[in-house]
Amino acid sequence: MMSQAQQQQPYTLSSEKPLAVVASNTNADGYKLAKQFAENGYDLIVAAGNPSIVEEAFDFKEYGVDAVSFQLDLSTTEGVEQLYRRIIATGRPVEAMVINTGISKDLTNETELAKKVLKDMADRGRGRILFAGSHKDEDARPACEALQEEAQGTGVTVTALRSGNSEIYFLKKGYEEPNLLH
């Protein structure tokens, strides 16, 4: 259910800057990731389950970017569908997408969202998708490897990032740089 603030917030993004989507189960993770994109000149679509995400999108405007946010339950198929419809409604191509892997227990919803955006990116011949999670989240490597196979030869990179207590694991299988920002 959309809040009154969401119903009033337009989600058209008018600039010509690259567009990044951050889908997270928590505002803290989503906010940190979105801030990195904003600092690097990306317009933003941010989705999380917490209602404060709607207000937090305004913080990113100080970096000179357009930003919209949606409170959505991305652990449900309907939440994923709503986010994808809103991405399409902007009329803008997604250059980079970060999906937090703690959204669903078995990565079903994360993978479904990635497949939808991957298809659009592949049609354009470019884009970057990152599955980001902590050591407590489901391991995204199998899902990432399957999506990498789909992305092979399309110009789209798919990367899994899994942080632990002292290490970060990158899965990078025959692709160029995993950096989403450059």
C-alpha atoms as a PDB file:
ATOM      1  CA  MET A   1       0.000   0.000   0.000  1.00  0.00           C
ATOM      2  CA  MET A   2       1.401   3.380  -0.962  1.00  0.00           C
ATOM      3  CA  SER A   3       1.532   6.084   1.669  1.00  0.00           C
ATOM      4  CA  GLN A   4       0.020   9.499   1.042  1.00  0.00           C
ATOM      5  CA  ALA A   5       3.528  10.930   0.565  1.00  0.00           C
ATOM      6  CA  GLN A   6       4.254   8.333  -2.123  1.00  0.00           C
ATOM      7  CA  GLN A   7       0.998   9.019  -3.911  1.00  0.00           C
ATOM      8  CA  GLN A   8       1.930  12.696  -4.121  1.00  0.00           C
ATOM      9  CA  GLN A   9       5.555  12.118  -5.122  1.00  0.00           C
ATOM     10  CA  PRO A  10       5.994  12.101  -8.905  1.00  0.00           C
ATOM     11  CA  TYR A  11       8.446   9.555 -10.178  1.00  0.00           C
ATOM     12  CA  THR A  12       9.503  11.038 -13.409  1.00  0.00           C
ATOM     13  CA  LEU A  13      13.205  11.695 -13.606  1.00  0.00           C
ATOM     14  CA  SER A  14      13.981  14.454 -16.054  1.00  0.00           C
ATOM     15  CA  SER A  15      17.753  14.698 -16.174  1.00  0.00           C
ATOM     16  CA  GLU A  16      20.085  13.050 -18.640  1.00  0.00           C
ATOM     17  CA  LYS A  17      22.341  11.603 -15.951  1.00  0.00           C
ATOM     18  CA  PRO A  18      22.780   7.820 -15.752  1.00  0.00           C
ATOM     19  CA  LEU A  19      20.087   6.069 -13.692  1.00  0.00           C
ATOM     20  CA  ALA A  20      20.778   3.640 -10.847  1.00  0.00           C
ATOM     21  CA  VAL A  21      18.256   1.490  -8.978  1.00  0.00           C
ATOM     22  CA  VAL A  22      18.873   0.377  -5.407  1.00  0.00           C
ATOM     23  CA  ALA A  23      16.544  -2.319  -4.040  1.00  0.00           C
ATOM     24  CA  SER A  24      17.130  -3.149  -0.407  1.00  0.00           C
ATOM     25  CA  ASN A  25      15.359  -4.719   2.509  1.00  0.00           C
ATOM     26  CA  THR A  26      16.707  -2.117   4.921  1.00  0.00           C
ATOM     27  CA  ASN A  27      17.021   1.620   4.687  1.00  0.00           C
ATOM     28  CA  ALA A  28      20.534   1.622   6.148  1.00  0.00           C
ATOM     29  CA  ASP A  29      21.934  -0.605   3.396  1.00  0.00           C
ATOM     30  CA  GLY A  30      19.941   1.081   0.670  1.00  0.00           C
ATOM     31  CA  TYR A  31      20.823   4.566   1.844  1.00  0.00           C
ATOM     32  CA  LYS A  32      24.567   3.893   1.879  1.00  0.00           C
ATOM     33  CA  LEU A  33      24.510   2.350  -1.585  1.00  0.00           C
ATOM     34  CA  ALA A  34      22.307   5.097  -3.023  1.00  0.00           C
ATOM     35  CA  LYS A  35      24.541   7.791  -1.543  1.00  0.00           C
ATOM     36  CA  GLN A  36      27.522   6.313  -3.406  1.00  0.00           C
ATOM     37  CA  PHE A  37      25.642   6.569  -6.687  1.00  0.00           C
ATOM     38  CA  ALA A  38      24.443  10.119  -5.941  1.00  0.00           C
ATOM     39  CA  GLU A  39      27.984  11.225  -5.120  1.00  0.00           C
ATOM     40  CA  ASN A  40      29.028   9.894  -8.533  1.00  0.00           C
ATOM     41  CA  GLY A  41      26.312  11.737 -10.462  1.00  0.00           C
ATOM     42  CA  TYR A  42      23.659   9.051 -10.888  1.00  0.00           C
ATOM     43  CA  ASP A  43      19.941   9.765 -10.716  1.00  0.00           C
ATOM     44  CA  LEU A  44      18.270   7.306  -8.371  1.00  0.00           C
ATOM     45  CA  ILE A  45      15.334   5.046  -7.798  1.00  0.00           C
ATOM     46  CA  VAL A  46      15.501   3.614  -4.290  1.00  0.00           C
ATOM     47  CA  ALA A  47      13.099   0.992  -2.932  1.00  0.00           C
ATOM     48  CA  ALA A  48      12.937  -0.399   0.600  1.00  0.00           C
ATOM     49  CA  GLY A  49      10.346  -1.661   3.033  1.00  0.00           C
ATOM     50  CA  ASN A  50      10.632   1.144   5.568  1.00  0.00           C
ATOM     51  CA  PRO A  51       8.426   4.251   5.144  1.00  0.00           C
ATOM     52  CA  SER A  52      11.307   6.630   5.967  1.00  0.00           C
ATOM     53  CA  ILE A  53      12.897   5.774   2.608  1.00  0.00           C
ATOM     54  CA  VAL A  54      10.421   8.164   0.970  1.00  0.00           C
ATOM     55  CA  GLU A  55      11.785  11.142   2.884  1.00  0.00           C
ATOM     56  CA  GLU A  56      15.414  10.015   2.629  1.00  0.00           C
ATOM     57  CA  ALA A  57      15.417  10.330  -1.164  1.00  0.00           C
ATOM     58  CA  PHE A  58      15.385  14.095  -0.774  1.00  0.00           C
ATOM     59  CA  ASP A  59      18.846  13.887   0.861  1.00  0.00           C
ATOM     60  CA  PHE A  60      20.366  12.860  -2.451  1.00  0.00           C
ATOM     61  CA  LYS A  61      19.222  15.995  -4.251  1.00  0.00           C
ATOM     62  CA  GLU A  62      22.060  17.899  -2.552  1.00  0.00           C
ATOM     63  CA  TYR A  63      24.385  16.064  -4.962  1.00  0.00           C
ATOM     64  CA  GLY A  64      22.566  17.587  -7.941  1.00  0.00           C
ATOM     65  CA  VAL A  65      20.755  14.407  -8.957  1.00  0.00           C
ATOM     66  CA  ASP A  66      17.110  13.466  -9.286  1.00  0.00           C
ATOM     67  CA  ALA A  67      15.985  10.840  -6.807  1.00  0.00           C
ATOM     68  CA  VAL A  68      12.724   9.054  -6.113  1.00  0.00           C
ATOM     69  CA  SER A  69      12.006   6.382  -3.579  1.00  0.00           C
ATOM     70  CA  PHE A  70       9.305   3.860  -2.931  1.00  0.00           C
ATOM     71  CA  GLN A  71       8.252   1.989   0.141  1.00  0.00           C
ATOM     72  CA  LEU A  72       7.653  -1.477  -1.267  1.00  0.00           C
ATOM     73  CA  ASP A  73       7.678  -4.969   0.166  1.00  0.00           C
ATOM     74  CA  LEU A  74      10.245  -6.494  -2.163  1.00  0.00           C
ATOM     75  CA  SER A  75       9.946  -9.851  -0.431  1.00  0.00           C
ATOM     76  CA  THR A  76       6.722 -10.331  -2.423  1.00  0.00           C
ATOM     77  CA  THR A  77       6.192 -10.881  -6.131  1.00  0.00           C
ATOM     78  CA  GLU A  78       3.798  -7.924  -6.164  1.00  0.00           C
ATOM     79  CA  GLY A  79       6.450  -5.647  -4.634  1.00  0.00           C
ATOM     80  CA  VAL A  80       8.959  -6.654  -7.312  1.00  0.00           C
ATOM     81  CA  GLU A  81       6.349  -6.092 -10.040  1.00  0.00           C
ATOM     82  CA  GLN A  82       5.491  -2.660  -8.622  1.00  0.00           C
ATOM     83  CA  LEU A  83       9.131  -1.622  -8.600  1.00  0.00           C
ATOM     84  CA  TYR A  84       9.700  -2.814 -12.146  1.00  0.00           C
ATOM     85  CA  ARG A  85       6.573  -0.994 -13.378  1.00  0.00           C
ATOM     86  CA  ARG A  86       7.837   2.184 -11.723  1.00  0.00           C
ATOM     87  CA  ILE A  87      11.242   1.793 -13.329  1.00  0.00           C
ATOM     88  CA  ILE A  88       9.606   1.436 -16.744  1.00  0.00           C
ATOM     89  CA  ALA A  89       7.295   4.399 -16.048  1.00  0.00           C
ATOM     90  CA  THR A  90      10.306   6.729 -15.804  1.00  0.00           C
ATOM     91  CA  GLY A  91      11.062   6.105 -19.461  1.00  0.00           C
ATOM     92  CA  ARG A  92      14.747   5.994 -18.531  1.00  0.00           C
ATOM     93  CA  PRO A  93      17.231   3.165 -19.088  1.00  0.00           C
ATOM     94  CA  VAL A  94      18.822   1.671 -15.969  1.00  0.00           C
ATOM     95  CA  GLU A  95      22.610   1.848 -16.150  1.00  0.00           C
ATOM     96  CA  ALA A  96      23.292   0.176 -12.790  1.00  0.00           C
ATOM     97  CA  MET A  97      21.231  -1.771 -10.282  1.00  0.00           C
ATOM     98  CA  VAL A  98      22.133  -2.983  -6.809  1.00  0.00           C
ATOM     99  CA  ILE A  99      19.951  -5.629  -5.199  1.00  0.00           C
ATOM    100  CA  ASN A 100      20.409  -6.458  -1.546  1.00  0.00           C
ATOM    101  CA  THR A 101      20.331 -10.241  -1.197  1.00  0.00           C
ATOM    102  CA  GLY A 102      18.546 -10.211   2.155  1.00  0.00           C
ATOM    103  CA  ILE A 103      15.152  -9.430   0.626  1.00  0.00           C
ATOM    104  CA  SER A 104      13.818 -12.985   0.329  1.00  0.00           C
ATOM    105  CA  LYS A 105      14.941 -16.259   1.883  1.00  0.00           C
ATOM    106  CA  ASP A 106      15.792 -18.044  -1.357  1.00  0.00           C
ATOM    107  CA  LEU A 107      16.711 -15.143  -3.693  1.00  0.00           C
ATOM    108  CA  THR A 108      13.620 -15.759  -5.836  1.00  0.00           C
ATOM    109  CA  ASN A 109      12.449 -12.146  -5.830  1.00  0.00           C
ATOM    110  CA  GLU A 110      15.938 -10.722  -6.207  1.00  0.00           C
ATOM    111  CA  THR A 111      16.581 -12.959  -9.206  1.00  0.00           C
ATOM    112  CA  GLU A 112      13.230 -12.117 -10.801  1.00  0.00           C
ATOM    113  CA  LEU A 113      13.901  -8.381 -10.520  1.00  0.00           C
ATOM    114  CA  ALA A 114      17.394  -8.828 -11.935  1.00  0.00           C
ATOM    115  CA  LYS A 115      16.079 -10.853 -14.895  1.00  0.00           C
ATOM    116  CA  LYS A 116      13.598  -8.137 -15.824  1.00  0.00           C
ATOM    117  CA  VAL A 117      16.181  -5.361 -15.728  1.00  0.00           C
ATOM    118  CA  LEU A 118      18.863  -7.570 -17.339  1.00  0.00           C
ATOM    119  CA  LYS A 119      16.644  -8.064 -20.378  1.00  0.00           C
ATOM    120  CA  ASP A 120      16.234  -4.311 -20.791  1.00  0.00           C
ATOM    121  CA  MET A 121      19.964  -3.740 -20.332  1.00  0.00           C
ATOM    122  CA  ALA A 122      20.834  -6.499 -22.804  1.00  0.00           C
ATOM    123  CA  ASP A 123      18.516  -4.946 -25.396  1.00  0.00           C
ATOM    124  CA  ARG A 124      20.578  -1.730 -25.065  1.00  0.00           C
ATOM    125  CA  GLY A 125      23.910  -3.587 -24.964  1.00  0.00           C
ATOM    126  CA  ARG A 126      25.097  -2.280 -21.595  1.00  0.00           C
ATOM    127  CA  GLY A 127      24.425  -2.204 -17.873  1.00  0.00           C
ATOM    128  CA  ARG A 128      25.651  -3.459 -14.520  1.00  0.00           C
ATOM    129  CA  ILE A 129      23.900  -5.499 -11.861  1.00  0.00           C
ATOM    130  CA  LEU A 130      25.288  -6.134  -8.399  1.00  0.00           C
ATOM    131  CA  PHE A 131      23.889  -8.584  -5.860  1.00  0.00           C
ATOM    132  CA  ALA A 132      25.119  -7.250  -2.498  1.00  0.00           C
ATOM    133  CA  GLY A 133      24.768  -9.098   0.767  1.00  0.00           C
ATOM    134  CA  SER A 134      26.345  -9.822   4.086  1.00  0.00           C
ATOM    135  CA  HIS A 135      27.690 -13.100   5.371  1.00  0.00           C
ATOM    136  CA  LYS A 136      24.277 -13.625   7.031  1.00  0.00           C
ATOM    137  CA  ASP A 137      22.349 -13.434   3.733  1.00  0.00           C
ATOM    138  CA  GLU A 138      21.731 -16.227   1.252  1.00  0.00           C
ATOM    139  CA  ASP A 139      24.768 -16.794  -0.975  1.00  0.00           C
ATOM    140  CA  ALA A 140      24.027 -15.077  -4.282  1.00  0.00           C
ATOM    141  CA  ARG A 141      26.766 -16.817  -6.262  1.00  0.00           C
ATOM    142  CA  PRO A 142      24.543 -19.499  -7.858  1.00  0.00           C
ATOM    143  CA  ALA A 143      21.929 -16.941  -8.928  1.00  0.00           C
ATOM    144  CA  CYS A 144      24.640 -14.598 -10.118  1.00  0.00           C
ATOM    145  CA  GLU A 145      26.345 -17.307 -12.179  1.00  0.00           C
ATOM    146  CA  ALA A 146      23.051 -18.181 -13.893  1.00  0.00           C
ATOM    147  CA  LEU A 147      22.439 -14.513 -14.715  1.00  0.00           C
ATOM    148  CA  GLN A 148      26.011 -14.146 -15.963  1.00  0.00           C
ATOM    149  CA  GLU A 149      25.316 -16.927 -18.434  1.00  0.00           C
ATOM    150  CA  GLU A 150      22.206 -15.057 -19.637  1.00  0.00           C
ATOM    151  CA  ALA A 151      24.244 -11.851 -19.902  1.00  0.00           C
ATOM    152  CA  GLN A 152      27.140 -13.421 -21.811  1.00  0.00           C
ATOM    153  CA  GLY A 153      27.901 -11.376 -24.908  1.00  0.00           C
ATOM    154  CA  THR A 154      25.294  -8.684 -24.184  1.00  0.00           C
ATOM    155  CA  GLY A 155      27.507  -5.984 -22.676  1.00  0.00           C
ATOM    156  CA  VAL A 156      25.891  -6.422 -19.255  1.00  0.00           C
ATOM    157  CA  THR A 157      27.935  -7.403 -16.204  1.00  0.00           C
ATOM    158  CA  VAL A 158      26.487  -9.263 -13.234  1.00  0.00           C
ATOM    159  CA  THR A 159      28.487  -9.380 -10.001  1.00  0.00           C
ATOM    160  CA  ALA A 160      27.921 -10.807  -6.521  1.00  0.00           C
ATOM    161  CA  LEU A 161      29.375  -9.080  -3.478  1.00  0.00           C
ATOM    162  CA  ARG A 162      29.249 -10.866  -0.165  1.00  0.00           C
ATOM    163  CA  SER A 163      30.856  -9.203   2.808  1.00  0.00           C
ATOM    164  CA  GLY A 164      32.028 -11.117   5.822  1.00  0.00           C
ATOM    165  CA  ASN A 165      33.512 -10.047   9.095  1.00  0.00           C
ATOM    166  CA  SER A 166      36.855  -9.202   7.525  1.00  0.00           C
ATOM    167  CA  GLU A 167      36.607 -10.044   3.816  1.00  0.00           C
ATOM    168  CA  ILE A 168      34.593  -9.112   0.779  1.00  0.00           C
ATOM    169  CA  TYR A 169      34.102 -11.777  -1.846  1.00  0.00           C
ATOM    170  CA  PHE A 170      33.701 -10.759  -5.471  1.00  0.00           C
ATOM    171  CA  LEU A 171      32.460 -13.189  -8.037  1.00  0.00           C
ATOM    172  CA  LYS A 172      33.877 -12.069 -11.298  1.00  0.00           C
ATOM    173  CA  LYS A 173      33.835 -14.676 -14.012  1.00  0.00           C
ATOM    174  CA  GLY A 174      35.425 -13.511 -17.241  1.00  0.00           C
ATOM    175  CA  TYR A 175      34.046  -9.977 -17.058  1.00  0.00           C
ATOM    176  CA  GLU A 176      35.687  -6.620 -16.895  1.00  0.00           C
ATOM    177  CA  GLU A 177      35.807  -4.387 -13.856  1.00  0.00           C
ATOM    178  CA  PRO A 178      33.192  -4.946 -11.134  1.00  0.00           C
ATOM    179  CA  ASN A 179      33.024  -1.210 -10.392  1.00  0.00           C
ATOM    180  CA  LEU A 180      29.435  -0.020 -10.822  1.00  0.00           C
ATOM    181  CA  LEU A 181      30.199   3.671 -10.675  1.00  0.00           C
ATOM    182  CA  HIS A 182      32.571   4.203 -13.587  1.00  0.00           C
END
